[in-house]
Amino acid sequence: MSVSVIEQAKIQAQVLVPLVKALQAELGEARANALVRRALGDLYRGFGEEFWKAKNESDLGKAVSSAFRTYARDDALAYDVIEQTADAFAFDVTRCAYAEFYKALGEPELGFLLVCTADFATAEGFGADVKLTRTQTIMQGASHCNFRYRRDGGRSQ
């Protein structure tokens, strides 16, 4: 059985948290965070592209729902689906073990940088016509995360 995404995040944090803190101390927080976002963005965009090709699904709601179940595995997320159609998938995350983990470490800002910002890069990997909107996260202190995936214009795979 493969390692769940939440367990991967916990393992990666053992290396990434001290690395990012060292980069912040050396380069300043803004410059270090931009570097981390760029590096991880490329990685997660590639994951999104690979997932989209492997899924070969034109129904955005089905595809994103499937992807999110992977992130929710091992009770990592509790969420409520608001809308699921061929061109949209909207849901609210109401409990997030990723946020709980980084808050327990005392590093919610790094959790946002290392976990939450990956969502947008991954969505970019789904295709130029797929847009993600999210205005709040549990990691940043909100009561829930509001994910809204939409397909703009015509369909593509």
N, C-alpha and C. Protein backbone atom coordinates (compact mmCIF):
# COMPACT_ATOMS: atom_id res chain seq x y z
N MET A 1 0.84 -1.19 0.00
CA MET A 1 0.00 0.00 0.00
C MET A 1 0.88 1.24 0.00
N SER A 2 0.48 2.23 -0.75
CA SER A 2 1.29 3.44 -0.86
C SER A 2 1.09 4.35 0.36
N VAL A 3 2.03 5.22 0.57
CA VAL A 3 1.99 6.18 1.68
C VAL A 3 0.99 7.27 1.33
N SER A 4 0.11 7.60 2.26
CA SER A 4 -0.90 8.65 2.00
C SER A 4 -0.23 10.01 1.87
N VAL A 5 -0.94 10.94 1.28
CA VAL A 5 -0.40 12.29 1.07
C VAL A 5 -0.14 12.97 2.41
N ILE A 6 -1.02 12.78 3.39
CA ILE A 6 -0.79 13.41 4.71
C ILE A 6 0.49 12.87 5.35
N GLU A 7 0.73 11.57 5.22
CA GLU A 7 1.96 11.00 5.77
C GLU A 7 3.19 11.51 5.00
N GLN A 8 3.07 11.62 3.69
CA GLN A 8 4.15 12.20 2.89
C GLN A 8 4.46 13.62 3.36
N ALA A 9 3.41 14.42 3.59
CA ALA A 9 3.60 15.80 4.03
C ALA A 9 4.33 15.87 5.37
N LYS A 10 4.00 14.96 6.28
CA LYS A 10 4.65 14.93 7.59
C LYS A 10 6.12 14.55 7.45
N ILE A 11 6.40 13.59 6.59
CA ILE A 11 7.79 13.17 6.36
C ILE A 11 8.58 14.29 5.71
N GLN A 12 8.01 14.91 4.69
CA GLN A 12 8.68 16.01 3.98
C GLN A 12 8.95 17.19 4.90
N ALA A 13 8.04 17.45 5.83
CA ALA A 13 8.20 18.59 6.74
C ALA A 13 9.46 18.48 7.58
N GLN A 14 9.89 17.25 7.87
CA GLN A 14 11.11 17.05 8.67
C GLN A 14 12.32 17.67 7.99
N VAL A 15 12.31 17.71 6.66
CA VAL A 15 13.42 18.29 5.91
C VAL A 15 13.08 19.72 5.46
N LEU A 16 11.86 19.90 4.97
CA LEU A 16 11.51 21.19 4.38
C LEU A 16 11.41 22.33 5.39
N VAL A 17 10.87 22.08 6.57
CA VAL A 17 10.74 23.16 7.55
C VAL A 17 12.10 23.74 7.93
N PRO A 18 13.09 22.92 8.33
CA PRO A 18 14.39 23.53 8.65
C PRO A 18 15.07 24.15 7.43
N LEU A 19 14.86 23.56 6.25
CA LEU A 19 15.45 24.12 5.04
C LEU A 19 14.87 25.50 4.73
N VAL A 20 13.56 25.61 4.77
CA VAL A 20 12.92 26.90 4.47
C VAL A 20 13.31 27.94 5.52
N LYS A 21 13.38 27.54 6.79
CA LYS A 21 13.79 28.49 7.83
C LYS A 21 15.22 28.97 7.60
N ALA A 22 16.10 28.08 7.17
CA ALA A 22 17.48 28.48 6.88
C ALA A 22 17.52 29.43 5.68
N LEU A 23 16.72 29.12 4.65
CA LEU A 23 16.64 30.01 3.48
C LEU A 23 16.11 31.39 3.89
N GLN A 24 15.09 31.41 4.73
CA GLN A 24 14.53 32.68 5.19
C GLN A 24 15.56 33.49 5.96
N ALA A 25 16.35 32.83 6.80
CA ALA A 25 17.37 33.51 7.57
C ALA A 25 18.46 34.08 6.66
N GLU A 26 18.79 33.35 5.62
CA GLU A 26 19.86 33.75 4.70
C GLU A 26 19.40 34.79 3.68
N LEU A 27 18.22 34.59 3.10
CA LEU A 27 17.77 35.41 1.98
C LEU A 27 16.69 36.44 2.35
N GLY A 28 16.14 36.31 3.53
CA GLY A 28 14.98 37.11 3.90
C GLY A 28 13.72 36.32 3.57
N GLU A 29 12.67 36.56 4.36
CA GLU A 29 11.46 35.75 4.23
C GLU A 29 10.81 35.87 2.85
N ALA A 30 10.66 37.07 2.34
CA ALA A 30 9.97 37.26 1.05
C ALA A 30 10.72 36.56 -0.08
N ARG A 31 12.02 36.75 -0.15
CA ARG A 31 12.81 36.15 -1.23
C ARG A 31 12.85 34.63 -1.12
N ALA A 32 13.03 34.12 0.10
CA ALA A 32 13.06 32.68 0.32
C ALA A 32 11.71 32.05 -0.03
N ASN A 33 10.63 32.67 0.42
CA ASN A 33 9.30 32.12 0.14
C ASN A 33 9.01 32.13 -1.36
N ALA A 34 9.42 33.16 -2.06
CA ALA A 34 9.22 33.21 -3.51
C ALA A 34 9.99 32.08 -4.19
N LEU A 35 11.20 31.83 -3.74
CA LEU A 35 12.02 30.75 -4.29
C LEU A 35 11.35 29.39 -4.04
N VAL A 36 10.85 29.17 -2.84
CA VAL A 36 10.18 27.91 -2.50
C VAL A 36 8.91 27.75 -3.32
N ARG A 37 8.10 28.82 -3.43
CA ARG A 37 6.87 28.75 -4.23
C ARG A 37 7.17 28.40 -5.68
N ARG A 38 8.21 29.00 -6.23
CA ARG A 38 8.57 28.74 -7.63
C ARG A 38 9.03 27.29 -7.81
N ALA A 39 9.89 26.83 -6.94
CA ALA A 39 10.42 25.46 -7.05
C ALA A 39 9.32 24.43 -6.85
N LEU A 40 8.53 24.60 -5.81
CA LEU A 40 7.46 23.64 -5.55
C LEU A 40 6.33 23.79 -6.57
N GLY A 41 6.11 25.00 -7.05
CA GLY A 41 5.09 25.23 -8.07
C GLY A 41 5.36 24.41 -9.31
N ASP A 42 6.60 24.40 -9.75
CA ASP A 42 6.97 23.60 -10.93
C ASP A 42 6.71 22.12 -10.67
N LEU A 43 7.06 21.65 -9.49
CA LEU A 43 6.87 20.26 -9.13
C LEU A 43 5.38 19.89 -9.13
N TYR A 44 4.57 20.70 -8.44
CA TYR A 44 3.14 20.39 -8.32
C TYR A 44 2.39 20.60 -9.63
N ARG A 45 2.82 21.54 -10.44
CA ARG A 45 2.22 21.71 -11.77
C ARG A 45 2.43 20.44 -12.58
N GLY A 46 3.63 19.87 -12.48
CA GLY A 46 3.92 18.60 -13.16
C GLY A 46 3.05 17.46 -12.64
N PHE A 47 2.83 17.43 -11.32
CA PHE A 47 1.94 16.41 -10.75
C PHE A 47 0.54 16.56 -11.33
N GLY A 48 0.05 17.81 -11.43
CA GLY A 48 -1.27 18.06 -11.99
C GLY A 48 -1.37 17.60 -13.43
N GLU A 49 -0.33 17.89 -14.21
CA GLU A 49 -0.31 17.46 -15.62
C GLU A 49 -0.34 15.94 -15.73
N GLU A 50 0.48 15.27 -14.92
CA GLU A 50 0.53 13.80 -14.95
C GLU A 50 -0.82 13.20 -14.55
N PHE A 51 -1.42 13.75 -13.49
CA PHE A 51 -2.72 13.25 -13.04
C PHE A 51 -3.76 13.42 -14.14
N TRP A 52 -3.80 14.59 -14.76
CA TRP A 52 -4.82 14.89 -15.77
C TRP A 52 -4.68 13.95 -16.97
N LYS A 53 -3.44 13.72 -17.41
CA LYS A 53 -3.21 12.81 -18.54
C LYS A 53 -3.61 11.38 -18.17
N ALA A 54 -3.21 10.95 -16.99
CA ALA A 54 -3.51 9.58 -16.56
C ALA A 54 -5.01 9.37 -16.36
N LYS A 55 -5.70 10.38 -15.88
CA LYS A 55 -7.13 10.27 -15.62
C LYS A 55 -7.91 10.22 -16.93
N ASN A 56 -7.47 11.00 -17.91
CA ASN A 56 -8.12 11.05 -19.23
C ASN A 56 -9.64 11.21 -19.07
N GLU A 57 -10.02 12.19 -18.30
CA GLU A 57 -11.42 12.44 -17.96
C GLU A 57 -11.79 13.86 -18.36
N SER A 58 -12.80 14.00 -19.21
CA SER A 58 -13.22 15.33 -19.65
C SER A 58 -14.15 16.00 -18.64
N ASP A 59 -14.72 15.23 -17.72
CA ASP A 59 -15.63 15.76 -16.70
C ASP A 59 -14.79 16.32 -15.55
N LEU A 60 -14.74 17.65 -15.44
CA LEU A 60 -13.91 18.30 -14.42
C LEU A 60 -14.33 17.89 -13.02
N GLY A 61 -15.63 17.84 -12.76
CA GLY A 61 -16.11 17.46 -11.43
C GLY A 61 -15.65 16.08 -11.02
N LYS A 62 -15.74 15.11 -11.91
CA LYS A 62 -15.29 13.75 -11.61
C LYS A 62 -13.78 13.70 -11.39
N ALA A 63 -13.03 14.39 -12.25
CA ALA A 63 -11.57 14.34 -12.16
C ALA A 63 -11.07 14.98 -10.87
N VAL A 64 -11.55 16.18 -10.55
CA VAL A 64 -11.06 16.87 -9.36
C VAL A 64 -11.55 16.16 -8.10
N SER A 65 -12.75 15.63 -8.12
CA SER A 65 -13.26 14.86 -6.99
C SER A 65 -12.34 13.67 -6.71
N SER A 66 -11.93 13.00 -7.76
CA SER A 66 -11.03 11.86 -7.63
C SER A 66 -9.68 12.28 -7.05
N ALA A 67 -9.14 13.39 -7.54
CA ALA A 67 -7.86 13.89 -7.04
C ALA A 67 -7.98 14.24 -5.56
N PHE A 68 -9.07 14.88 -5.19
CA PHE A 68 -9.20 15.31 -3.81
C PHE A 68 -9.37 14.15 -2.85
N ARG A 69 -9.97 13.08 -3.29
CA ARG A 69 -10.06 11.89 -2.44
C ARG A 69 -8.67 11.38 -2.07
N THR A 70 -7.71 11.54 -2.98
CA THR A 70 -6.33 11.14 -2.70
C THR A 70 -5.75 11.97 -1.56
N TYR A 71 -6.00 13.29 -1.57
CA TYR A 71 -5.49 14.17 -0.51
C TYR A 71 -6.23 13.96 0.81
N ALA A 72 -7.46 13.47 0.74
CA ALA A 72 -8.28 13.27 1.93
C ALA A 72 -8.06 11.90 2.58
N ARG A 73 -7.32 11.03 1.91
CA ARG A 73 -7.12 9.67 2.41
C ARG A 73 -6.57 9.67 3.84
N ASP A 74 -6.86 8.64 4.57
CA ASP A 74 -6.44 8.48 5.98
C ASP A 74 -7.03 9.58 6.87
N ASP A 75 -8.26 9.99 6.55
CA ASP A 75 -8.97 10.98 7.35
C ASP A 75 -8.23 12.32 7.42
N ALA A 76 -7.49 12.65 6.36
CA ALA A 76 -6.72 13.90 6.34
C ALA A 76 -7.60 15.13 6.17
N LEU A 77 -8.74 14.98 5.50
CA LEU A 77 -9.64 16.10 5.25
C LEU A 77 -11.09 15.67 5.45
N ALA A 78 -11.87 16.58 5.97
CA ALA A 78 -13.33 16.44 5.94
C ALA A 78 -13.82 17.58 5.06
N TYR A 79 -14.70 17.27 4.13
CA TYR A 79 -15.16 18.32 3.23
C TYR A 79 -16.59 18.08 2.77
N ASP A 80 -17.23 19.18 2.40
CA ASP A 80 -18.60 19.16 1.90
C ASP A 80 -18.59 19.62 0.45
N VAL A 81 -19.15 18.80 -0.43
CA VAL A 81 -19.25 19.16 -1.84
C VAL A 81 -20.41 20.15 -2.00
N ILE A 82 -20.13 21.27 -2.64
CA ILE A 82 -21.12 22.32 -2.87
C ILE A 82 -21.73 22.16 -4.27
N GLU A 83 -20.86 21.83 -5.23
CA GLU A 83 -21.31 21.68 -6.62
C GLU A 83 -20.37 20.72 -7.34
N GLN A 84 -20.93 19.83 -8.13
CA GLN A 84 -20.12 18.94 -8.96
C GLN A 84 -20.83 18.77 -10.30
N THR A 85 -20.20 19.31 -11.36
CA THR A 85 -20.72 19.19 -12.71
C THR A 85 -19.56 18.87 -13.65
N ALA A 86 -19.87 18.74 -14.92
CA ALA A 86 -18.82 18.48 -15.91
C ALA A 86 -17.83 19.63 -16.02
N ASP A 87 -18.24 20.84 -15.60
CA ASP A 87 -17.37 22.01 -15.73
C ASP A 87 -17.05 22.68 -14.40
N ALA A 88 -17.38 22.04 -13.28
CA ALA A 88 -17.12 22.66 -11.97
C ALA A 88 -17.03 21.62 -10.88
N PHE A 89 -16.21 21.94 -9.89
CA PHE A 89 -16.18 21.19 -8.64
C PHE A 89 -15.91 22.19 -7.55
N ALA A 90 -16.88 22.38 -6.66
CA ALA A 90 -16.77 23.34 -5.57
C ALA A 90 -17.00 22.60 -4.26
N PHE A 91 -16.13 22.86 -3.28
CA PHE A 91 -16.27 22.20 -2.00
C PHE A 91 -15.61 23.03 -0.92
N ASP A 92 -16.04 22.79 0.31
CA ASP A 92 -15.46 23.44 1.48
C ASP A 92 -14.80 22.38 2.34
N VAL A 93 -13.54 22.58 2.67
CA VAL A 93 -12.85 21.71 3.61
C VAL A 93 -13.18 22.22 5.01
N THR A 94 -13.72 21.34 5.84
CA THR A 94 -14.16 21.74 7.18
C THR A 94 -13.21 21.28 8.28
N ARG A 95 -12.35 20.31 7.98
CA ARG A 95 -11.30 19.87 8.90
C ARG A 95 -10.10 19.47 8.09
N CYS A 96 -8.93 19.90 8.53
CA CYS A 96 -7.71 19.68 7.75
C CYS A 96 -6.59 19.19 8.66
N ALA A 97 -6.20 17.93 8.49
CA ALA A 97 -5.10 17.37 9.29
C ALA A 97 -3.76 18.01 8.92
N TYR A 98 -3.64 18.52 7.69
CA TYR A 98 -2.42 19.22 7.29
C TYR A 98 -2.25 20.47 8.16
N ALA A 99 -3.33 21.23 8.31
CA ALA A 99 -3.29 22.44 9.14
C ALA A 99 -3.05 22.07 10.61
N GLU A 100 -3.72 21.02 11.08
CA GLU A 100 -3.53 20.58 12.46
C GLU A 100 -2.07 20.22 12.71
N PHE A 101 -1.44 19.53 11.76
CA PHE A 101 -0.04 19.13 11.89
C PHE A 101 0.88 20.35 11.96
N TYR A 102 0.72 21.29 11.01
CA TYR A 102 1.61 22.46 10.99
C TYR A 102 1.34 23.40 12.17
N LYS A 103 0.11 23.48 12.63
CA LYS A 103 -0.17 24.29 13.82
C LYS A 103 0.48 23.65 15.05
N ALA A 104 0.45 22.32 15.14
CA ALA A 104 1.10 21.62 16.26
C ALA A 104 2.61 21.85 16.25
N LEU A 105 3.17 22.00 15.06
CA LEU A 105 4.60 22.31 14.93
C LEU A 105 4.88 23.77 15.29
N GLY A 106 3.83 24.59 15.33
CA GLY A 106 4.01 26.02 15.55
C GLY A 106 4.41 26.75 14.27
N GLU A 107 4.11 26.15 13.12
CA GLU A 107 4.54 26.69 11.83
C GLU A 107 3.40 26.78 10.81
N PRO A 108 2.26 27.38 11.15
CA PRO A 108 1.17 27.44 10.17
C PRO A 108 1.52 28.24 8.91
N GLU A 109 2.40 29.23 9.05
CA GLU A 109 2.80 30.00 7.86
C GLU A 109 3.58 29.13 6.88
N LEU A 110 4.45 28.27 7.43
CA LEU A 110 5.18 27.35 6.56
C LEU A 110 4.25 26.28 6.00
N GLY A 111 3.25 25.88 6.76
CA GLY A 111 2.25 24.95 6.25
C GLY A 111 1.51 25.53 5.06
N PHE A 112 1.16 26.80 5.16
CA PHE A 112 0.49 27.46 4.03
C PHE A 112 1.42 27.47 2.82
N LEU A 113 2.68 27.84 3.03
CA LEU A 113 3.65 27.90 1.95
C LEU A 113 3.89 26.54 1.32
N LEU A 114 4.05 25.50 2.14
CA LEU A 114 4.45 24.19 1.64
C LEU A 114 3.28 23.31 1.20
N VAL A 115 2.09 23.55 1.71
CA VAL A 115 0.94 22.71 1.39
C VAL A 115 -0.11 23.47 0.58
N CYS A 116 -0.60 24.55 1.13
CA CYS A 116 -1.75 25.24 0.52
C CYS A 116 -1.44 25.89 -0.83
N THR A 117 -0.26 26.46 -0.97
CA THR A 117 0.04 27.12 -2.25
C THR A 117 0.20 26.11 -3.38
N ALA A 118 0.44 24.85 -3.04
CA ALA A 118 0.56 23.80 -4.06
C ALA A 118 -0.75 23.58 -4.81
N ASP A 119 -1.87 23.90 -4.18
CA ASP A 119 -3.18 23.67 -4.81
C ASP A 119 -3.31 24.43 -6.13
N PHE A 120 -2.83 25.65 -6.16
CA PHE A 120 -2.96 26.46 -7.38
C PHE A 120 -2.06 25.95 -8.50
N ALA A 121 -0.83 25.56 -8.16
CA ALA A 121 0.07 25.02 -9.18
C ALA A 121 -0.46 23.71 -9.73
N THR A 122 -0.99 22.86 -8.85
CA THR A 122 -1.57 21.60 -9.30
C THR A 122 -2.72 21.86 -10.26
N ALA A 123 -3.58 22.82 -9.92
CA ALA A 123 -4.72 23.17 -10.79
C ALA A 123 -4.23 23.68 -12.14
N GLU A 124 -3.13 24.42 -12.17
CA GLU A 124 -2.57 24.87 -13.45
C GLU A 124 -2.19 23.68 -14.31
N GLY A 125 -1.73 22.61 -13.69
CA GLY A 125 -1.37 21.40 -14.41
C GLY A 125 -2.57 20.70 -15.04
N PHE A 126 -3.77 21.00 -14.57
CA PHE A 126 -4.98 20.40 -15.13
C PHE A 126 -5.33 20.98 -16.49
N GLY A 127 -4.73 22.11 -16.87
CA GLY A 127 -4.97 22.72 -18.17
C GLY A 127 -5.27 24.20 -18.04
N ALA A 128 -4.99 24.92 -19.10
CA ALA A 128 -5.16 26.38 -19.09
C ALA A 128 -6.60 26.81 -18.89
N ASP A 129 -7.54 25.93 -19.21
CA ASP A 129 -8.95 26.29 -19.08
C ASP A 129 -9.53 26.00 -17.69
N VAL A 130 -8.74 25.41 -16.79
CA VAL A 130 -9.21 25.09 -15.44
C VAL A 130 -8.68 26.16 -14.48
N LYS A 131 -9.59 26.76 -13.74
CA LYS A 131 -9.22 27.82 -12.79
C LYS A 131 -9.65 27.42 -11.39
N LEU A 132 -8.78 27.69 -10.44
CA LEU A 132 -9.09 27.48 -9.03
C LEU A 132 -9.20 28.84 -8.36
N THR A 133 -10.26 29.01 -7.59
CA THR A 133 -10.41 30.17 -6.73
C THR A 133 -10.53 29.66 -5.30
N ARG A 134 -9.80 30.29 -4.40
CA ARG A 134 -9.90 29.98 -2.98
C ARG A 134 -9.57 31.25 -2.22
N THR A 135 -10.45 31.69 -1.37
CA THR A 135 -10.24 32.96 -0.68
C THR A 135 -9.87 32.81 0.78
N GLN A 136 -9.94 31.59 1.32
CA GLN A 136 -9.59 31.41 2.73
C GLN A 136 -9.15 29.97 2.98
N THR A 137 -8.33 29.82 4.02
CA THR A 137 -7.86 28.48 4.40
C THR A 137 -7.89 28.32 5.92
N ILE A 138 -8.09 27.08 6.32
CA ILE A 138 -7.99 26.74 7.74
C ILE A 138 -6.57 27.02 8.23
N MET A 139 -5.59 26.75 7.39
CA MET A 139 -4.18 26.95 7.75
C MET A 139 -3.92 28.39 8.18
N GLN A 140 -4.66 29.33 7.58
CA GLN A 140 -4.48 30.75 7.90
C GLN A 140 -5.52 31.24 8.92
N GLY A 141 -6.21 30.30 9.56
CA GLY A 141 -7.10 30.66 10.65
C GLY A 141 -8.59 30.74 10.32
N ALA A 142 -8.98 30.49 9.07
CA ALA A 142 -10.40 30.53 8.70
C ALA A 142 -11.10 29.28 9.22
N SER A 143 -12.43 29.34 9.25
CA SER A 143 -13.21 28.19 9.71
C SER A 143 -13.22 27.05 8.70
N HIS A 144 -12.96 27.38 7.43
CA HIS A 144 -12.93 26.36 6.37
C HIS A 144 -12.14 26.88 5.17
N CYS A 145 -11.79 25.98 4.30
CA CYS A 145 -11.15 26.34 3.02
C CYS A 145 -12.23 26.26 1.95
N ASN A 146 -12.30 27.25 1.08
CA ASN A 146 -13.34 27.25 0.04
C ASN A 146 -12.71 27.09 -1.34
N PHE A 147 -12.72 25.86 -1.81
CA PHE A 147 -12.16 25.53 -3.12
C PHE A 147 -13.25 25.63 -4.18
N ARG A 148 -12.94 26.34 -5.28
CA ARG A 148 -13.88 26.47 -6.40
C ARG A 148 -13.10 26.26 -7.70
N TYR A 149 -13.25 25.07 -8.26
CA TYR A 149 -12.63 24.76 -9.56
C TYR A 149 -13.68 24.99 -10.64
N ARG A 150 -13.29 25.68 -11.69
CA ARG A 150 -14.19 25.93 -12.82
C ARG A 150 -13.42 25.82 -14.13
N ARG A 151 -14.13 25.36 -15.13
CA ARG A 151 -13.57 25.31 -16.48
C ARG A 151 -14.04 26.57 -17.19
N ASP A 152 -13.08 27.30 -17.74
CA ASP A 152 -13.40 28.49 -18.53
C ASP A 152 -13.48 28.11 -19.99
N GLY A 153 -14.50 28.55 -20.67
CA GLY A 153 -14.60 28.32 -22.11
C GLY A 153 -14.88 26.88 -22.46
N GLY A 154 -14.38 26.47 -23.62
CA GLY A 154 -14.64 25.12 -24.14
C GLY A 154 -13.89 24.06 -23.40
N ARG A 155 -14.29 22.84 -23.61
CA ARG A 155 -13.66 21.71 -22.94
C ARG A 155 -12.38 21.30 -23.67
N SER A 156 -11.46 20.83 -22.86
CA SER A 156 -10.23 20.24 -23.43
C SER A 156 -9.72 19.20 -22.45
N GLN A 157 -8.86 18.33 -22.91
CA GLN A 157 -8.28 17.33 -22.03
C GLN A 157 -6.85 17.54 -21.92
